[in-house]
C-alpha cells in the first residue's frame, strides 16, 4: 500500500483513536512522568521507563539510548540545571495531551511549560514532550521520550 494512502488512513483514524477512553494506568504514567521530571528523584523518574529506552533533549549529549538510559539522562539533566544556575525548574501543563493507545502500545504528546528562575528572573518556555509507551502486564513503561521547544528558548 502506498505511503500516502497509509498516512491518509492514519490521519482519518486519529480523532477516533485519541478520543477513546484511555486506560487509567496509562494516564497515571503520564501524570507521574510530569511530576518526576519536575522533581529531584532520579529513581522515581527512571522507574517509569523500560530499562532499554531512548531519550532526546536539548541537554548535552542530546541523545541517550540503551540500558540505564533514564537514570543517565536524569543525572545529566540535573548536572546541566545546576551548572546553568537554573532554580525551581518544573513542568506544568500547557493544554490537553494527545494520546493514542492501541493494545499494548501508546503514543502521547504532552504540551508543557518549563518554568524556572535564572539569576532571579522567572522564565516560562513552551514545549512538547513526545512519548512512546509499551504495556508489560498491568504496567505501562515509557520506551522513548523527546523534548521539543515550541519556540527557541529565551
N, C-alpha and C. Protein backbone atom coordinates (compact mmCIF):
# COMPACT_ATOMS: atom_id res chain seq x y z
N UNK A 1 0.85 -1.17 0.00
CA UNK A 1 0.00 0.00 0.00
C UNK A 1 0.90 1.24 0.00
N UNK A 2 0.64 2.21 -0.86
CA UNK A 2 1.47 3.41 -0.93
C UNK A 2 1.47 4.17 0.40
N UNK A 3 2.59 4.78 0.71
CA UNK A 3 2.75 5.51 1.96
C UNK A 3 1.70 6.61 2.11
N UNK A 4 1.40 7.33 1.04
CA UNK A 4 0.43 8.43 1.14
C UNK A 4 -0.95 7.89 1.51
N UNK A 5 -1.29 6.69 1.06
CA UNK A 5 -2.59 6.10 1.41
C UNK A 5 -2.60 5.69 2.89
N UNK A 6 -1.50 5.12 3.37
CA UNK A 6 -1.40 4.77 4.78
C UNK A 6 -1.51 6.01 5.66
N UNK A 7 -0.84 7.09 5.26
CA UNK A 7 -0.92 8.33 6.03
C UNK A 7 -2.34 8.87 6.04
N UNK A 8 -3.03 8.83 4.93
CA UNK A 8 -4.41 9.31 4.86
C UNK A 8 -5.31 8.51 5.80
N UNK A 9 -5.12 7.20 5.85
CA UNK A 9 -5.91 6.35 6.74
C UNK A 9 -5.60 6.70 8.20
N UNK A 10 -4.32 6.83 8.52
CA UNK A 10 -3.93 7.16 9.89
C UNK A 10 -4.50 8.49 10.33
N UNK A 11 -4.43 9.50 9.46
CA UNK A 11 -4.96 10.82 9.79
C UNK A 11 -6.47 10.75 10.00
N UNK A 12 -7.17 9.98 9.19
CA UNK A 12 -8.62 9.85 9.33
C UNK A 12 -8.99 9.16 10.64
N UNK A 13 -8.17 8.24 11.11
CA UNK A 13 -8.48 7.50 12.33
C UNK A 13 -8.04 8.21 13.61
N UNK A 14 -7.12 9.17 13.52
CA UNK A 14 -6.59 9.82 14.73
C UNK A 14 -7.66 10.35 15.66
N UNK A 15 -8.63 11.13 15.20
CA UNK A 15 -9.60 11.67 16.16
C UNK A 15 -10.33 10.59 16.93
N UNK A 16 -10.72 9.52 16.27
CA UNK A 16 -11.43 8.44 16.96
C UNK A 16 -10.53 7.74 17.97
N UNK A 17 -9.27 7.51 17.59
CA UNK A 17 -8.35 6.83 18.49
C UNK A 17 -8.02 7.71 19.69
N UNK A 18 -7.84 8.99 19.46
CA UNK A 18 -7.43 9.89 20.53
C UNK A 18 -8.57 10.18 21.49
N UNK A 19 -9.82 10.12 21.02
CA UNK A 19 -10.93 10.47 21.88
C UNK A 19 -11.44 9.29 22.70
N UNK A 20 -11.02 8.09 22.37
CA UNK A 20 -11.48 6.91 23.10
C UNK A 20 -10.99 6.98 24.55
N UNK A 21 -11.76 6.37 25.43
CA UNK A 21 -11.37 6.33 26.84
C UNK A 21 -10.02 5.65 26.95
N UNK A 22 -9.13 6.26 27.71
CA UNK A 22 -7.77 5.75 27.84
C UNK A 22 -7.63 4.95 29.14
N UNK A 23 -6.77 3.93 29.12
CA UNK A 23 -6.57 3.13 30.33
C UNK A 23 -6.07 4.01 31.48
N UNK A 24 -6.69 3.92 32.65
CA UNK A 24 -6.27 4.73 33.80
C UNK A 24 -4.79 4.57 34.15
N UNK A 25 -4.26 3.35 34.02
CA UNK A 25 -2.84 3.13 34.34
C UNK A 25 -1.94 3.91 33.38
N UNK A 26 -2.35 4.05 32.13
CA UNK A 26 -1.58 4.81 31.15
C UNK A 26 -1.61 6.30 31.48
N UNK A 27 -2.78 6.81 31.79
CA UNK A 27 -2.92 8.22 32.16
C UNK A 27 -2.10 8.51 33.42
N UNK A 28 -2.08 7.58 34.36
CA UNK A 28 -1.30 7.75 35.59
C UNK A 28 0.19 7.85 35.30
N UNK A 29 0.69 7.05 34.34
CA UNK A 29 2.11 7.12 33.99
C UNK A 29 2.46 8.49 33.42
N UNK A 30 1.59 9.05 32.61
CA UNK A 30 1.84 10.39 32.05
C UNK A 30 1.88 11.43 33.15
N UNK A 31 0.95 11.36 34.08
CA UNK A 31 0.94 12.28 35.22
C UNK A 31 2.21 12.11 36.05
N UNK A 32 2.58 10.86 36.31
CA UNK A 32 3.78 10.59 37.11
C UNK A 32 5.04 11.05 36.38
N UNK A 33 5.06 10.95 35.05
CA UNK A 33 6.20 11.41 34.28
C UNK A 33 6.41 12.92 34.47
N UNK A 34 5.35 13.70 34.36
CA UNK A 34 5.47 15.15 34.53
C UNK A 34 5.93 15.47 35.94
N UNK A 35 5.38 14.79 36.92
CA UNK A 35 5.76 15.01 38.32
C UNK A 35 7.23 14.63 38.55
N UNK A 36 7.65 13.47 38.05
CA UNK A 36 9.03 13.00 38.27
C UNK A 36 10.04 13.87 37.52
N UNK A 37 9.69 14.31 36.30
CA UNK A 37 10.60 15.16 35.54
C UNK A 37 10.79 16.52 36.21
N UNK A 38 9.82 16.91 37.03
CA UNK A 38 9.90 18.19 37.74
C UNK A 38 10.62 18.06 39.08
N UNK A 39 10.86 16.85 39.51
CA UNK A 39 11.42 16.63 40.84
C UNK A 39 12.90 16.36 40.84
N UNK A 40 13.34 15.81 41.96
CA UNK A 40 14.77 15.52 42.12
C UNK A 40 15.03 14.04 42.39
N UNK A 41 14.01 13.21 42.21
CA UNK A 41 14.14 11.78 42.48
C UNK A 41 14.40 11.02 41.18
N UNK A 42 15.66 10.80 40.88
CA UNK A 42 16.04 10.10 39.67
C UNK A 42 15.53 8.67 39.61
N UNK A 43 15.41 8.02 40.76
CA UNK A 43 14.90 6.65 40.78
C UNK A 43 13.43 6.60 40.38
N UNK A 44 12.64 7.56 40.89
CA UNK A 44 11.22 7.61 40.52
C UNK A 44 11.07 7.88 39.03
N UNK A 45 11.92 8.76 38.49
CA UNK A 45 11.90 9.06 37.07
C UNK A 45 12.25 7.82 36.26
N UNK A 46 13.35 7.17 36.59
CA UNK A 46 13.83 6.01 35.84
C UNK A 46 12.85 4.84 35.91
N UNK A 47 12.12 4.72 37.00
CA UNK A 47 11.16 3.63 37.17
C UNK A 47 10.02 3.69 36.16
N UNK A 48 9.80 4.84 35.55
CA UNK A 48 8.72 5.00 34.58
C UNK A 48 9.11 4.49 33.19
N UNK A 49 10.39 4.23 32.98
CA UNK A 49 10.92 3.85 31.67
C UNK A 49 11.26 2.37 31.61
N UNK A 50 11.22 1.82 30.38
CA UNK A 50 11.77 0.49 30.17
C UNK A 50 13.28 0.58 30.37
N UNK A 51 13.90 -0.50 30.77
CA UNK A 51 15.35 -0.49 31.02
C UNK A 51 16.13 -0.05 29.79
N UNK A 52 15.70 -0.50 28.63
CA UNK A 52 16.37 -0.16 27.37
C UNK A 52 15.46 0.81 26.62
N UNK A 53 15.78 2.10 26.69
CA UNK A 53 14.91 3.11 26.09
C UNK A 53 15.75 4.17 25.39
N UNK A 54 15.08 5.20 24.90
CA UNK A 54 15.74 6.27 24.16
C UNK A 54 15.17 7.62 24.62
N UNK A 55 16.05 8.60 24.85
CA UNK A 55 15.63 9.94 25.25
C UNK A 55 16.42 10.96 24.43
N UNK A 56 15.71 11.96 23.93
CA UNK A 56 16.33 13.07 23.20
C UNK A 56 15.89 14.37 23.86
N UNK A 57 16.84 15.26 24.11
CA UNK A 57 16.55 16.53 24.79
C UNK A 57 17.57 17.57 24.37
N UNK A 58 17.38 18.78 24.84
CA UNK A 58 18.28 19.89 24.50
C UNK A 58 19.50 19.96 25.41
N UNK A 59 19.68 18.98 26.24
CA UNK A 59 20.82 18.90 27.17
C UNK A 59 21.89 18.00 26.54
N UNK A 60 23.15 18.42 26.62
CA UNK A 60 24.23 17.59 26.08
C UNK A 60 24.28 16.27 26.84
N UNK A 61 24.47 15.17 26.17
CA UNK A 61 24.87 14.97 24.78
C UNK A 61 23.70 14.88 23.80
N UNK A 62 22.50 15.30 24.20
CA UNK A 62 21.30 15.42 23.37
C UNK A 62 20.56 14.12 23.11
N UNK A 63 21.23 12.99 23.16
CA UNK A 63 20.54 11.72 22.93
C UNK A 63 21.15 10.64 23.83
N UNK A 64 20.26 9.89 24.49
CA UNK A 64 20.66 8.78 25.35
C UNK A 64 19.91 7.55 24.86
N UNK A 65 20.60 6.42 24.84
CA UNK A 65 19.95 5.20 24.38
C UNK A 65 20.63 4.00 25.01
N UNK A 66 19.82 3.01 25.34
CA UNK A 66 20.36 1.77 25.87
C UNK A 66 19.93 1.52 27.30
N UNK A 67 20.53 0.50 27.89
CA UNK A 67 20.20 0.11 29.26
C UNK A 67 20.63 1.21 30.23
N UNK A 68 19.74 1.56 31.14
CA UNK A 68 20.04 2.58 32.14
C UNK A 68 19.91 4.00 31.63
N UNK A 69 19.35 4.16 30.45
CA UNK A 69 19.25 5.48 29.82
C UNK A 69 18.55 6.51 30.70
N UNK A 70 17.40 6.17 31.27
CA UNK A 70 16.63 7.15 32.02
C UNK A 70 17.43 7.69 33.20
N UNK A 71 18.13 6.83 33.91
CA UNK A 71 18.94 7.29 35.05
C UNK A 71 20.09 8.17 34.59
N UNK A 72 20.75 7.80 33.49
CA UNK A 72 21.86 8.61 32.96
C UNK A 72 21.37 9.97 32.50
N UNK A 73 20.24 9.98 31.79
CA UNK A 73 19.66 11.24 31.33
C UNK A 73 19.31 12.14 32.51
N UNK A 74 18.65 11.57 33.51
CA UNK A 74 18.21 12.38 34.65
C UNK A 74 19.42 12.99 35.37
N UNK A 75 20.48 12.22 35.52
CA UNK A 75 21.70 12.74 36.16
C UNK A 75 22.31 13.85 35.32
N UNK A 76 22.37 13.67 34.00
CA UNK A 76 22.91 14.72 33.12
C UNK A 76 22.04 15.97 33.15
N UNK A 77 20.73 15.78 33.20
CA UNK A 77 19.82 16.93 33.29
C UNK A 77 20.04 17.69 34.59
N UNK A 78 20.14 16.98 35.70
CA UNK A 78 20.38 17.63 37.00
C UNK A 78 21.71 18.38 36.99
N UNK A 79 22.74 17.79 36.41
CA UNK A 79 24.04 18.46 36.31
C UNK A 79 23.94 19.74 35.47
N UNK A 80 23.21 19.68 34.36
CA UNK A 80 23.06 20.85 33.49
C UNK A 80 22.27 21.96 34.19
N UNK A 81 21.25 21.58 34.92
CA UNK A 81 20.44 22.57 35.66
C UNK A 81 21.32 23.26 36.70
N UNK A 82 22.08 22.48 37.42
CA UNK A 82 22.96 23.05 38.46
C UNK A 82 24.04 23.94 37.83
N UNK A 83 24.71 23.44 36.80
CA UNK A 83 25.79 24.20 36.15
C UNK A 83 25.27 25.48 35.50
N UNK A 84 24.05 25.44 35.00
CA UNK A 84 23.48 26.61 34.34
C UNK A 84 22.89 27.63 35.28
N UNK A 85 22.81 27.31 36.57
CA UNK A 85 22.26 28.25 37.55
C UNK A 85 20.74 28.32 37.55
N UNK A 86 20.10 27.31 36.98
CA UNK A 86 18.63 27.28 36.96
C UNK A 86 18.10 26.89 38.34
N UNK A 87 17.02 27.52 38.75
CA UNK A 87 16.40 27.18 40.03
C UNK A 87 14.91 26.98 39.83
N UNK A 88 14.35 26.08 40.65
CA UNK A 88 12.91 25.86 40.65
C UNK A 88 12.36 25.29 39.37
N UNK A 89 13.17 24.58 38.62
CA UNK A 89 12.72 24.04 37.34
C UNK A 89 11.60 23.02 37.55
N UNK A 90 10.49 23.24 36.87
CA UNK A 90 9.40 22.28 36.91
C UNK A 90 8.54 22.40 35.66
N UNK A 91 7.80 21.34 35.38
CA UNK A 91 6.92 21.29 34.22
C UNK A 91 5.48 21.53 34.65
N UNK A 92 4.75 22.28 33.84
CA UNK A 92 3.32 22.48 34.06
C UNK A 92 2.59 22.30 32.73
N UNK A 93 1.33 21.96 32.82
CA UNK A 93 0.54 21.71 31.63
C UNK A 93 0.37 22.97 30.78
N UNK A 94 0.37 22.78 29.47
CA UNK A 94 0.12 23.85 28.51
C UNK A 94 -0.96 23.37 27.54
N UNK A 95 -1.99 22.73 28.07
CA UNK A 95 -3.07 22.23 27.24
C UNK A 95 -3.26 20.74 27.40
N UNK A 96 -4.27 20.25 26.72
CA UNK A 96 -4.60 18.83 26.82
C UNK A 96 -3.60 17.98 26.04
N UNK A 97 -3.23 16.83 26.59
CA UNK A 97 -2.34 15.94 25.85
C UNK A 97 -3.08 15.26 24.71
N UNK A 98 -2.33 14.84 23.73
CA UNK A 98 -2.85 14.00 22.65
C UNK A 98 -2.36 12.60 22.96
N UNK A 99 -3.28 11.66 23.03
CA UNK A 99 -2.92 10.31 23.45
C UNK A 99 -3.64 9.29 22.58
N UNK A 100 -2.88 8.35 22.05
CA UNK A 100 -3.43 7.25 21.27
C UNK A 100 -2.89 5.96 21.87
N UNK A 101 -3.80 5.05 22.24
CA UNK A 101 -3.39 3.76 22.78
C UNK A 101 -4.09 2.66 21.99
N UNK A 102 -3.31 1.70 21.56
CA UNK A 102 -3.82 0.53 20.84
C UNK A 102 -3.15 -0.70 21.42
N UNK A 103 -3.98 -1.57 21.97
CA UNK A 103 -3.49 -2.81 22.57
C UNK A 103 -2.42 -2.48 23.61
N UNK A 104 -1.17 -2.89 23.36
CA UNK A 104 -0.13 -2.69 24.37
C UNK A 104 0.89 -1.61 23.99
N UNK A 105 0.52 -0.72 23.06
CA UNK A 105 1.40 0.38 22.67
C UNK A 105 0.64 1.70 22.72
N UNK A 106 1.36 2.78 23.01
CA UNK A 106 0.71 4.09 23.08
C UNK A 106 1.67 5.18 22.63
N UNK A 107 1.08 6.28 22.21
CA UNK A 107 1.80 7.49 21.79
C UNK A 107 1.16 8.65 22.54
N UNK A 108 1.99 9.52 23.10
CA UNK A 108 1.48 10.68 23.84
C UNK A 108 2.27 11.91 23.46
N UNK A 109 1.57 12.99 23.25
CA UNK A 109 2.18 14.29 23.01
C UNK A 109 1.69 15.21 24.13
N UNK A 110 2.61 15.64 24.98
CA UNK A 110 2.27 16.42 26.17
C UNK A 110 2.73 17.87 26.01
N UNK A 111 1.81 18.80 25.74
CA UNK A 111 2.22 20.21 25.67
C UNK A 111 2.46 20.72 27.09
N UNK A 112 3.66 21.25 27.30
CA UNK A 112 4.06 21.65 28.65
C UNK A 112 4.76 23.01 28.63
N UNK A 113 4.82 23.60 29.80
CA UNK A 113 5.69 24.74 30.04
C UNK A 113 6.84 24.26 30.92
N UNK A 114 8.05 24.73 30.64
CA UNK A 114 9.16 24.57 31.57
C UNK A 114 9.27 25.90 32.30
N UNK A 115 9.00 25.87 33.59
CA UNK A 115 9.09 27.07 34.42
C UNK A 115 10.36 26.99 35.25
N UNK A 116 11.08 28.09 35.33
CA UNK A 116 12.31 28.13 36.12
C UNK A 116 12.70 29.57 36.39
N UNK A 117 13.67 29.72 37.25
CA UNK A 117 14.24 31.02 37.55
C UNK A 117 15.73 30.98 37.20
N UNK A 118 16.20 32.05 36.58
CA UNK A 118 17.61 32.17 36.22
C UNK A 118 18.07 33.57 36.60
N UNK A 119 19.02 33.62 37.52
CA UNK A 119 19.54 34.90 38.01
C UNK A 119 18.41 35.80 38.52
N UNK A 120 17.46 35.18 39.23
CA UNK A 120 16.37 35.91 39.84
C UNK A 120 15.23 36.29 38.91
N UNK A 121 15.31 35.92 37.65
CA UNK A 121 14.26 36.24 36.68
C UNK A 121 13.49 34.97 36.33
N UNK A 122 12.16 35.06 36.44
CA UNK A 122 11.30 33.92 36.11
C UNK A 122 11.22 33.75 34.60
N UNK A 123 11.24 32.50 34.17
CA UNK A 123 11.12 32.15 32.75
C UNK A 123 10.05 31.09 32.58
N UNK A 124 9.39 31.12 31.44
CA UNK A 124 8.41 30.10 31.06
C UNK A 124 8.61 29.80 29.59
N UNK A 125 9.02 28.57 29.29
CA UNK A 125 9.30 28.15 27.92
C UNK A 125 8.31 27.06 27.51
N UNK A 126 7.56 27.25 26.42
CA UNK A 126 6.64 26.21 25.96
C UNK A 126 7.35 25.13 25.16
N UNK A 127 6.88 23.92 25.31
CA UNK A 127 7.43 22.81 24.53
C UNK A 127 6.52 21.61 24.59
N UNK A 128 7.00 20.54 23.99
CA UNK A 128 6.21 19.30 23.93
C UNK A 128 7.13 18.13 24.26
N UNK A 129 6.68 17.30 25.18
CA UNK A 129 7.32 16.00 25.40
C UNK A 129 6.51 14.98 24.63
N UNK A 130 7.15 14.28 23.72
CA UNK A 130 6.52 13.22 22.95
C UNK A 130 7.03 11.89 23.48
N UNK A 131 6.11 11.02 23.85
CA UNK A 131 6.47 9.74 24.45
C UNK A 131 5.88 8.59 23.65
N UNK A 132 6.61 7.49 23.61
CA UNK A 132 6.02 6.23 23.18
C UNK A 132 6.08 5.31 24.39
N UNK A 133 5.07 4.49 24.51
CA UNK A 133 4.94 3.63 25.69
C UNK A 133 4.58 2.21 25.29
N UNK A 134 4.89 1.29 26.17
CA UNK A 134 4.59 -0.13 25.96
C UNK A 134 4.03 -0.69 27.26
N UNK A 135 2.99 -1.48 27.13
CA UNK A 135 2.40 -2.11 28.31
C UNK A 135 2.99 -3.50 28.49
N UNK A 136 3.48 -3.75 29.69
CA UNK A 136 4.03 -5.05 30.05
C UNK A 136 3.24 -5.54 31.26
N UNK A 137 2.32 -6.48 31.04
CA UNK A 137 1.41 -6.88 32.11
C UNK A 137 0.47 -5.72 32.39
N UNK A 138 0.36 -5.33 33.65
CA UNK A 138 -0.51 -4.21 34.02
C UNK A 138 0.21 -2.87 33.94
N UNK A 139 1.53 -2.90 33.83
CA UNK A 139 2.33 -1.67 33.89
C UNK A 139 2.63 -1.09 32.52
N UNK A 140 2.47 0.21 32.38
CA UNK A 140 2.89 0.93 31.18
C UNK A 140 4.27 1.51 31.45
N UNK A 141 5.18 1.36 30.48
CA UNK A 141 6.53 1.90 30.60
C UNK A 141 6.83 2.76 29.38
N UNK A 142 7.58 3.82 29.60
CA UNK A 142 7.98 4.70 28.52
C UNK A 142 9.14 4.05 27.77
N UNK A 143 9.03 3.98 26.44
CA UNK A 143 10.10 3.40 25.62
C UNK A 143 10.95 4.48 24.96
N UNK A 144 10.35 5.65 24.75
CA UNK A 144 11.13 6.78 24.22
C UNK A 144 10.48 8.08 24.65
N UNK A 145 11.32 9.11 24.79
CA UNK A 145 10.85 10.44 25.16
C UNK A 145 11.69 11.46 24.40
N UNK A 146 11.01 12.44 23.83
CA UNK A 146 11.70 13.51 23.10
C UNK A 146 11.12 14.86 23.51
N UNK A 147 12.00 15.77 23.93
CA UNK A 147 11.59 17.13 24.26
C UNK A 147 11.85 18.02 23.06
N UNK A 148 10.86 18.85 22.73
CA UNK A 148 10.99 19.82 21.65
C UNK A 148 10.43 21.14 22.13
N UNK A 149 11.22 22.21 22.01
CA UNK A 149 10.69 23.53 22.33
C UNK A 149 9.71 23.96 21.26
N UNK A 150 8.62 24.64 21.66
CA UNK A 150 7.67 25.19 20.70
C UNK A 150 8.22 26.41 19.99
N UNK A 151 9.13 27.10 20.68
CA UNK A 151 9.84 28.24 20.10
C UNK A 151 11.22 28.26 20.74
N UNK A 152 12.17 28.93 20.15
CA UNK A 152 13.51 28.95 20.75
C UNK A 152 13.46 29.51 22.16
N UNK A 153 14.19 28.91 23.10
CA UNK A 153 14.19 29.42 24.47
C UNK A 153 14.75 30.83 24.53
N UNK A 154 14.21 31.60 25.49
CA UNK A 154 14.67 32.98 25.65
C UNK A 154 15.98 33.05 26.41
